[in-house]
Amino acid sequence: MRAIPKVPAHRKRRKYVKAAKGFFGGRHRLYRTAREVVERAWQFQYEHRRLRKRDFRRLWIVRINAAARQNGTTYSRLMNALKKANIQINRKMLATLAVEDPAAFSKIVKTALENA
């Protein structure tokens, strides 16, 4: 006769099966399979939370570079000029300006290059 798991063991298993809700086939029904796929999913989540930050920074840099080239400079020259002109604006805001308000971005570029 098989022993029935006590409450803490059952609770631990239920946590994994609950986290596997929506998975296909036995992945959401069977404890061992559910645990394997849920732990793997959690590893991917952990890694991708960090990768997302890198991906957004790369996107902002691409957008700033494209807008900077339309204003007659490059990304690296623009960032150097901003630093020398002591204009403190982060890449996210620069990229937002480049996309949504090109006139304001042009003013920032002009000011940075003049004061560099």
C-alpha atoms as a PDB file:
ATOM      1  CA  MET A   1       0.000   0.000   0.000  1.00  0.00           C
ATOM      2  CA  ARG A   2       1.339   3.412  -1.001  1.00  0.00           C
ATOM      3  CA  ALA A   3       1.764   6.072   1.656  1.00  0.00           C
ATOM      4  CA  ILE A   4      -0.314   9.236   1.224  1.00  0.00           C
ATOM      5  CA  PRO A   5       1.921  12.331   1.245  1.00  0.00           C
ATOM      6  CA  LYS A   6       1.615  14.552   4.280  1.00  0.00           C
ATOM      7  CA  VAL A   7       0.365  18.135   3.987  1.00  0.00           C
ATOM      8  CA  PRO A   8       3.735  19.930   3.435  1.00  0.00           C
ATOM      9  CA  ALA A   9       4.737  17.502   0.674  1.00  0.00           C
ATOM     10  CA  HIS A  10       1.362  17.866  -0.981  1.00  0.00           C
ATOM     11  CA  ARG A  11       1.566  21.657  -0.745  1.00  0.00           C
ATOM     12  CA  LYS A  12       5.009  21.648  -2.389  1.00  0.00           C
ATOM     13  CA  ARG A  13       3.736  19.489  -5.237  1.00  0.00           C
ATOM     14  CA  ARG A  14       0.614  21.572  -5.672  1.00  0.00           C
ATOM     15  CA  LYS A  15       2.794  24.695  -6.092  1.00  0.00           C
ATOM     16  CA  TYR A  16       4.498  23.200  -9.143  1.00  0.00           C
ATOM     17  CA  VAL A  17       1.331  21.800 -10.707  1.00  0.00           C
ATOM     18  CA  LYS A  18      -0.396  25.164 -10.196  1.00  0.00           C
ATOM     19  CA  ALA A  19       2.531  26.975 -11.846  1.00  0.00           C
ATOM     20  CA  ALA A  20       2.233  24.607 -14.829  1.00  0.00           C
ATOM     21  CA  LYS A  21      -1.360  25.655 -15.504  1.00  0.00           C
ATOM     22  CA  GLY A  22      -1.951  25.994 -19.221  1.00  0.00           C
ATOM     23  CA  PHE A  23       0.943  23.749 -20.214  1.00  0.00           C
ATOM     24  CA  PHE A  24       0.170  21.051 -22.795  1.00  0.00           C
ATOM     25  CA  GLY A  25      -0.607  17.435 -21.974  1.00  0.00           C
ATOM     26  CA  GLY A  26       0.985  15.796 -18.956  1.00  0.00           C
ATOM     27  CA  ARG A  27       3.104  18.891 -18.374  1.00  0.00           C
ATOM     28  CA  HIS A  28       0.302  20.392 -16.317  1.00  0.00           C
ATOM     29  CA  ARG A  29      -1.005  17.152 -14.809  1.00  0.00           C
ATOM     30  CA  LEU A  30       1.973  15.053 -13.753  1.00  0.00           C
ATOM     31  CA  TYR A  31       4.062  16.327 -10.859  1.00  0.00           C
ATOM     32  CA  ARG A  32       7.503  15.227 -12.069  1.00  0.00           C
ATOM     33  CA  THR A  33       7.001  16.558 -15.590  1.00  0.00           C
ATOM     34  CA  ALA A  34       5.388  19.736 -14.290  1.00  0.00           C
ATOM     35  CA  ARG A  35       8.306  20.340 -11.935  1.00  0.00           C
ATOM     36  CA  GLU A  36      10.840  19.913 -14.726  1.00  0.00           C
ATOM     37  CA  VAL A  37       9.149  22.292 -17.142  1.00  0.00           C
ATOM     38  CA  VAL A  38       8.259  24.862 -14.462  1.00  0.00           C
ATOM     39  CA  GLU A  39      11.829  24.989 -13.147  1.00  0.00           C
ATOM     40  CA  ARG A  40      13.097  25.410 -16.693  1.00  0.00           C
ATOM     41  CA  ALA A  41      10.538  28.152 -17.303  1.00  0.00           C
ATOM     42  CA  TRP A  42      11.670  29.922 -14.130  1.00  0.00           C
ATOM     43  CA  GLN A  43      15.280  29.769 -15.358  1.00  0.00           C
ATOM     44  CA  PHE A  44      14.271  31.356 -18.652  1.00  0.00           C
ATOM     45  CA  GLN A  45      12.281  34.030 -16.815  1.00  0.00           C
ATOM     46  CA  TYR A  46      15.283  34.884 -14.647  1.00  0.00           C
ATOM     47  CA  GLU A  47      17.605  35.109 -17.643  1.00  0.00           C
ATOM     48  CA  HIS A  48      15.207  37.064 -19.827  1.00  0.00           C
ATOM     49  CA  ARG A  49      14.519  39.675 -17.142  1.00  0.00           C
ATOM     50  CA  ARG A  50      18.191  40.569 -17.521  1.00  0.00           C
ATOM     51  CA  LEU A  51      18.274  40.223 -21.318  1.00  0.00           C
ATOM     52  CA  ARG A  52      15.285  42.565 -21.660  1.00  0.00           C
ATOM     53  CA  LYS A  53      17.307  45.398 -20.133  1.00  0.00           C
ATOM     54  CA  ARG A  54      20.124  44.818 -22.642  1.00  0.00           C
ATOM     55  CA  ASP A  55      17.708  44.587 -25.565  1.00  0.00           C
ATOM     56  CA  PHE A  56      16.024  47.884 -24.703  1.00  0.00           C
ATOM     57  CA  ARG A  57      19.357  49.668 -24.334  1.00  0.00           C
ATOM     58  CA  ARG A  58      20.417  48.351 -27.767  1.00  0.00           C
ATOM     59  CA  LEU A  59      17.119  49.556 -29.260  1.00  0.00           C
ATOM     60  CA  TRP A  60      17.555  53.038 -27.754  1.00  0.00           C
ATOM     61  CA  ILE A  61      21.109  53.261 -29.102  1.00  0.00           C
ATOM     62  CA  VAL A  62      19.967  52.273 -32.610  1.00  0.00           C
ATOM     63  CA  ARG A  63      17.227  54.922 -32.537  1.00  0.00           C
ATOM     64  CA  ILE A  64      19.551  57.631 -31.225  1.00  0.00           C
ATOM     65  CA  ASN A  65      22.167  56.766 -33.848  1.00  0.00           C
ATOM     66  CA  ALA A  66      19.602  56.936 -36.669  1.00  0.00           C
ATOM     67  CA  ALA A  67      18.327  60.318 -35.491  1.00  0.00           C
ATOM     68  CA  ALA A  68      21.858  61.625 -34.873  1.00  0.00           C
ATOM     69  CA  ARG A  69      22.877  60.733 -38.436  1.00  0.00           C
ATOM     70  CA  GLN A  70      19.881  62.686 -39.736  1.00  0.00           C
ATOM     71  CA  ASN A  71      21.315  65.634 -37.810  1.00  0.00           C
ATOM     72  CA  GLY A  72      24.785  65.259 -39.320  1.00  0.00           C
ATOM     73  CA  THR A  73      26.635  63.423 -36.559  1.00  0.00           C
ATOM     74  CA  THR A  74      27.035  59.913 -35.200  1.00  0.00           C
ATOM     75  CA  TYR A  75      25.954  58.260 -31.969  1.00  0.00           C
ATOM     76  CA  SER A  76      29.421  58.224 -30.416  1.00  0.00           C
ATOM     77  CA  ARG A  77      30.139  61.858 -31.313  1.00  0.00           C
ATOM     78  CA  LEU A  78      26.743  62.913 -29.971  1.00  0.00           C
ATOM     79  CA  MET A  79      27.209  61.092 -26.662  1.00  0.00           C
ATOM     80  CA  ASN A  80      30.687  62.571 -26.289  1.00  0.00           C
ATOM     81  CA  ALA A  81      29.344  66.065 -27.029  1.00  0.00           C
ATOM     82  CA  LEU A  82      26.517  65.620 -24.512  1.00  0.00           C
ATOM     83  CA  LYS A  83      29.001  64.589 -21.850  1.00  0.00           C
ATOM     84  CA  LYS A  84      31.349  67.516 -22.593  1.00  0.00           C
ATOM     85  CA  ALA A  85      28.441  69.989 -22.673  1.00  0.00           C
ATOM     86  CA  ASN A  86      27.292  68.567 -19.316  1.00  0.00           C
ATOM     87  CA  ILE A  87      23.848  67.719 -20.680  1.00  0.00           C
ATOM     88  CA  GLN A  88      22.589  64.854 -18.559  1.00  0.00           C
ATOM     89  CA  ILE A  89      19.859  62.968 -20.374  1.00  0.00           C
ATOM     90  CA  ASN A  90      19.563  59.212 -20.453  1.00  0.00           C
ATOM     91  CA  ARG A  91      19.350  57.080 -23.572  1.00  0.00           C
ATOM     92  CA  LYS A  92      15.726  56.164 -23.014  1.00  0.00           C
ATOM     93  CA  MET A  93      14.642  59.803 -23.019  1.00  0.00           C
ATOM     94  CA  LEU A  94      16.895  60.637 -25.976  1.00  0.00           C
ATOM     95  CA  ALA A  95      15.398  57.776 -27.988  1.00  0.00           C
ATOM     96  CA  THR A  96      11.872  58.853 -27.047  1.00  0.00           C
ATOM     97  CA  LEU A  97      12.619  62.407 -28.191  1.00  0.00           C
ATOM     98  CA  ALA A  98      14.191  61.140 -31.400  1.00  0.00           C
ATOM     99  CA  VAL A  99      11.031  59.216 -32.276  1.00  0.00           C
ATOM    100  CA  GLU A 100       8.279  61.479 -30.910  1.00  0.00           C
ATOM    101  CA  ASP A 101       9.767  64.992 -31.149  1.00  0.00           C
ATOM    102  CA  PRO A 102      12.527  65.219 -33.769  1.00  0.00           C
ATOM    103  CA  ALA A 103      12.631  69.039 -33.486  1.00  0.00           C
ATOM    104  CA  ALA A 104      13.493  68.879 -29.769  1.00  0.00           C
ATOM    105  CA  PHE A 105      16.079  66.188 -30.468  1.00  0.00           C
ATOM    106  CA  SER A 106      17.655  68.421 -33.121  1.00  0.00           C
ATOM    107  CA  LYS A 107      17.868  71.286 -30.607  1.00  0.00           C
ATOM    108  CA  ILE A 108      19.617  69.023 -28.101  1.00  0.00           C
ATOM    109  CA  VAL A 109      22.069  67.847 -30.765  1.00  0.00           C
ATOM    110  CA  LYS A 110      22.769  71.434 -31.861  1.00  0.00           C
ATOM    111  CA  THR A 111      23.276  72.624 -28.268  1.00  0.00           C
ATOM    112  CA  ALA A 112      25.541  69.692 -27.440  1.00  0.00           C
ATOM    113  CA  LEU A 113      27.731  70.140 -30.520  1.00  0.00           C
ATOM    114  CA  GLU A 114      28.036  73.916 -29.949  1.00  0.00           C
ATOM    115  CA  ASN A 115      28.984  73.588 -26.269  1.00  0.00           C
ATOM    116  CA  ALA A 116      31.265  70.574 -26.639  1.00  0.00           C
END
